[in-house]
Amino acid sequence: MDTAEQKKQLRKEIKQKKNMLTGSDAKVRANAVFAEVEAMDEFQSARVVLAFWSLPDEIPTHGFVTKWSRSKKIVLPVVVGNDLELREFDGTEQLEQSNNYGIMEPKTGKIVDPKDIDFAIIPGVAFDKKGNRLGRGKGFYDRTMNLLGEIPKVGVGYEFQLVDSIPVAEFDLPVNRVICQ
């Protein structure tokens, strides 16, 4: 089985496990994950944080983003063609569903240079202990992480998203740390 086929199979397996997760369990796990993120010295000292507004099948980030936007500059991705444009989060009223992926994105926030970001929270379908991540297959985050430089990049998810090994292609970039509950 080639790398693309292995990735497709792993995405399918993780999706089945996500479908078995209850809303209350997801919330408890998310709270534990983000408590661990918040306890990191690198997060505490960061001024500009790249996060993401979660889709229904991702670990919920809405509370985290809203909470920390009061004291840090929170940046969210906006899909523009084949890339992610990084925009400052200005509140939930500025979010709109604006693409084929169903992602809520900030439409009015200032564009942020990736070099200005101090800390990044990265979504993934799955991660392994080496920090390799499996995304949805479009390469958006790999291209974006390439622009971020040597900052902490933390993958977040549920414990079943942490697997023994992720099939890796040459363009796939790892995160520095994975936090799953």
Protein backbone atom coordinates (compact mmCIF):
# COMPACT_ATOMS: atom_id res chain seq x y z
CA MET A 1 0.00 0.00 0.00
CA ASP A 2 1.48 3.38 -0.97
CA THR A 3 1.66 6.44 1.32
CA ALA A 4 -1.47 8.08 -0.14
CA GLU A 5 -3.49 4.90 0.34
CA GLN A 6 -2.17 4.46 3.92
CA LYS A 7 -3.20 8.05 4.72
CA LYS A 8 -6.66 7.51 3.24
CA GLN A 9 -7.14 4.37 5.35
CA LEU A 10 -5.97 6.12 8.54
CA ARG A 11 -8.36 9.04 7.91
CA LYS A 12 -11.21 6.53 7.60
CA GLU A 13 -10.26 4.77 10.86
CA ILE A 14 -10.04 8.04 12.82
CA LYS A 15 -13.38 9.23 11.41
CA GLN A 16 -15.06 6.06 12.69
CA LYS A 17 -13.64 6.66 16.17
CA LYS A 18 -14.71 10.33 16.15
CA ASN A 19 -18.25 9.27 15.29
CA MET A 20 -18.37 7.28 18.54
CA LEU A 21 -17.36 10.25 20.70
CA THR A 22 -20.12 11.95 22.69
CA GLY A 23 -20.40 15.74 22.95
CA SER A 24 -19.82 15.80 26.71
CA ASP A 25 -16.77 13.52 26.42
CA ALA A 26 -15.37 15.72 23.64
CA LYS A 27 -15.75 18.81 25.85
CA VAL A 28 -14.04 17.20 28.87
CA ARG A 29 -11.13 16.01 26.70
CA ALA A 30 -10.81 19.40 24.99
CA ASN A 31 -10.70 21.18 28.36
CA ALA A 32 -7.87 18.87 29.47
CA VAL A 33 -5.93 19.39 26.23
CA PHE A 34 -6.20 23.17 26.35
CA ALA A 35 -5.35 23.29 30.07
CA GLU A 36 -2.09 21.56 29.14
CA VAL A 37 -1.48 24.03 26.28
CA GLU A 38 -2.18 26.98 28.61
CA ALA A 39 0.31 25.63 31.18
CA MET A 40 3.18 25.65 28.67
CA ASP A 41 5.75 28.40 29.33
CA GLU A 42 5.98 29.02 25.57
CA PHE A 43 2.23 29.66 25.41
CA GLN A 44 2.28 31.89 28.50
CA SER A 45 5.00 34.10 27.01
CA ALA A 46 3.50 34.18 23.48
CA ARG A 47 1.88 37.39 22.31
CA VAL A 48 0.61 36.22 18.91
CA VAL A 49 -0.95 32.74 18.74
CA LEU A 50 -2.07 30.88 15.63
CA ALA A 51 -5.11 28.75 16.45
CA PHE A 52 -8.05 27.42 14.44
CA TRP A 53 -11.84 27.66 14.66
CA SER A 54 -12.77 24.00 14.92
CA LEU A 55 -15.04 22.12 12.59
CA PRO A 56 -17.65 19.82 14.16
CA ASP A 57 -15.35 16.79 13.79
CA GLU A 58 -12.33 18.49 15.40
CA ILE A 59 -11.42 19.00 19.05
CA PRO A 60 -13.49 22.06 20.05
CA THR A 61 -11.45 25.28 20.11
CA HIS A 62 -14.16 27.96 20.24
CA GLY A 63 -13.97 28.53 24.01
CA PHE A 64 -10.16 28.60 23.98
CA VAL A 65 -10.01 31.09 21.08
CA THR A 66 -12.63 33.39 22.63
CA LYS A 67 -11.03 33.27 26.10
CA TRP A 68 -7.49 34.03 24.97
CA SER A 69 -8.44 36.68 22.41
CA ARG A 70 -8.98 39.01 25.38
CA SER A 71 -5.30 38.93 26.37
CA LYS A 72 -3.36 37.72 23.31
CA LYS A 73 -3.55 38.35 19.60
CA ILE A 74 -5.26 35.21 18.28
CA VAL A 75 -4.80 34.50 14.58
CA LEU A 76 -7.07 32.21 12.56
CA PRO A 77 -6.52 30.80 9.06
CA VAL A 78 -8.57 31.80 6.03
CA VAL A 79 -8.45 29.54 2.96
CA VAL A 80 -7.39 31.57 -0.09
CA GLY A 81 -6.83 29.37 -3.12
CA ASN A 82 -4.24 26.76 -2.14
CA ASP A 83 -2.92 28.66 0.87
CA LEU A 84 -3.94 29.90 4.29
CA GLU A 85 -4.10 33.64 4.87
CA LEU A 86 -3.64 34.43 8.56
CA ARG A 87 -6.08 36.95 10.05
CA GLU A 88 -6.50 38.40 13.49
CA PHE A 89 -9.58 37.12 15.35
CA ASP A 90 -11.87 40.08 16.18
CA GLY A 91 -14.75 38.18 17.78
CA THR A 92 -17.31 35.62 16.74
CA GLU A 93 -19.52 38.22 15.05
CA GLN A 94 -16.74 38.70 12.45
CA LEU A 95 -16.68 35.02 11.49
CA GLU A 96 -18.46 33.72 8.42
CA GLN A 97 -18.59 30.45 6.58
CA SER A 98 -16.81 31.33 3.42
CA ASN A 99 -15.52 28.35 1.50
CA ASN A 100 -16.23 24.86 0.30
CA TYR A 101 -14.85 23.33 3.49
CA GLY A 102 -17.47 24.77 5.86
CA ILE A 103 -14.84 26.55 7.97
CA MET A 104 -15.83 29.67 9.91
CA GLU A 105 -13.24 32.33 9.08
CA PRO A 106 -12.55 35.92 10.13
CA LYS A 107 -13.44 38.28 7.31
CA THR A 108 -12.41 41.62 8.79
CA GLY A 109 -9.35 40.93 10.95
CA LYS A 110 -5.98 42.35 9.96
CA ILE A 111 -3.74 40.07 7.93
CA VAL A 112 -0.88 38.82 10.11
CA ASP A 113 2.61 38.02 8.81
CA PRO A 114 3.52 34.40 9.72
CA LYS A 115 6.85 35.70 11.08
CA ASP A 116 4.95 37.64 13.77
CA ILE A 117 3.45 34.47 15.29
CA ASP A 118 5.05 33.21 18.54
CA PHE A 119 3.11 29.98 19.08
CA ALA A 120 0.95 27.76 16.86
CA ILE A 121 -1.84 25.31 17.66
CA ILE A 122 -2.20 22.96 14.72
CA PRO A 123 -5.15 20.68 13.93
CA GLY A 124 -4.74 17.21 12.51
CA VAL A 125 -6.69 14.09 11.69
CA ALA A 126 -3.97 12.08 13.47
CA PHE A 127 -0.51 12.50 15.00
CA ASP A 128 2.29 10.17 16.06
CA LYS A 129 4.72 10.46 18.97
CA LYS A 130 7.41 11.91 16.68
CA GLY A 131 5.13 14.86 15.87
CA ASN A 132 4.22 13.72 12.38
CA ARG A 133 0.69 14.77 11.49
CA LEU A 134 -1.94 13.62 9.08
CA GLY A 135 -4.08 16.46 7.79
CA ARG A 136 -7.08 16.40 5.50
CA GLY A 137 -4.87 16.03 2.44
CA LYS A 138 -4.71 19.51 0.91
CA GLY A 139 -1.35 20.55 2.42
CA PHE A 140 -2.62 23.89 3.77
CA TYR A 141 -0.96 23.53 7.18
CA ASP A 142 2.28 22.07 5.83
CA ARG A 143 2.73 25.13 3.60
CA THR A 144 1.82 27.46 6.49
CA MET A 145 4.07 25.75 9.05
CA ASN A 146 6.92 26.13 6.59
CA LEU A 147 6.51 29.93 6.92
CA LEU A 148 6.33 30.03 10.72
CA GLY A 149 9.99 29.47 11.51
CA GLU A 150 11.31 28.00 14.74
CA ILE A 151 8.32 28.57 17.01
CA PRO A 152 6.48 25.98 19.11
CA LYS A 153 3.94 24.15 16.93
CA VAL A 154 1.58 22.04 19.02
CA GLY A 155 -0.77 19.45 17.56
CA VAL A 156 -3.99 18.95 19.51
CA GLY A 157 -6.57 16.18 19.43
CA TYR A 158 -8.24 13.26 21.17
CA GLU A 159 -6.24 10.31 22.51
CA PHE A 160 -7.40 8.04 19.66
CA GLN A 161 -5.85 10.51 17.20
CA LEU A 162 -2.40 9.69 18.59
CA VAL A 163 -1.23 6.64 16.61
CA ASP A 164 2.00 4.63 16.47
CA SER A 165 3.08 5.89 13.08
CA ILE A 166 1.93 8.34 10.42
CA PRO A 167 2.86 7.66 6.79
CA VAL A 168 5.00 10.63 5.75
CA ALA A 169 5.63 12.16 2.33
CA GLU A 170 8.51 14.55 1.60
CA PHE A 171 6.38 17.71 1.97
CA ASP A 172 4.80 16.70 5.32
CA LEU A 173 6.03 18.75 8.28
CA PRO A 174 5.89 17.63 11.92
CA VAL A 175 4.76 19.60 14.95
CA ASN A 176 7.10 20.02 17.95
CA ARG A 177 4.68 18.57 20.48
CA VAL A 178 1.41 16.66 20.48
CA ILE A 179 -1.20 17.00 23.21
CA CYS A 180 -4.05 14.50 23.07
CA GLN A 181 -6.59 13.44 25.73
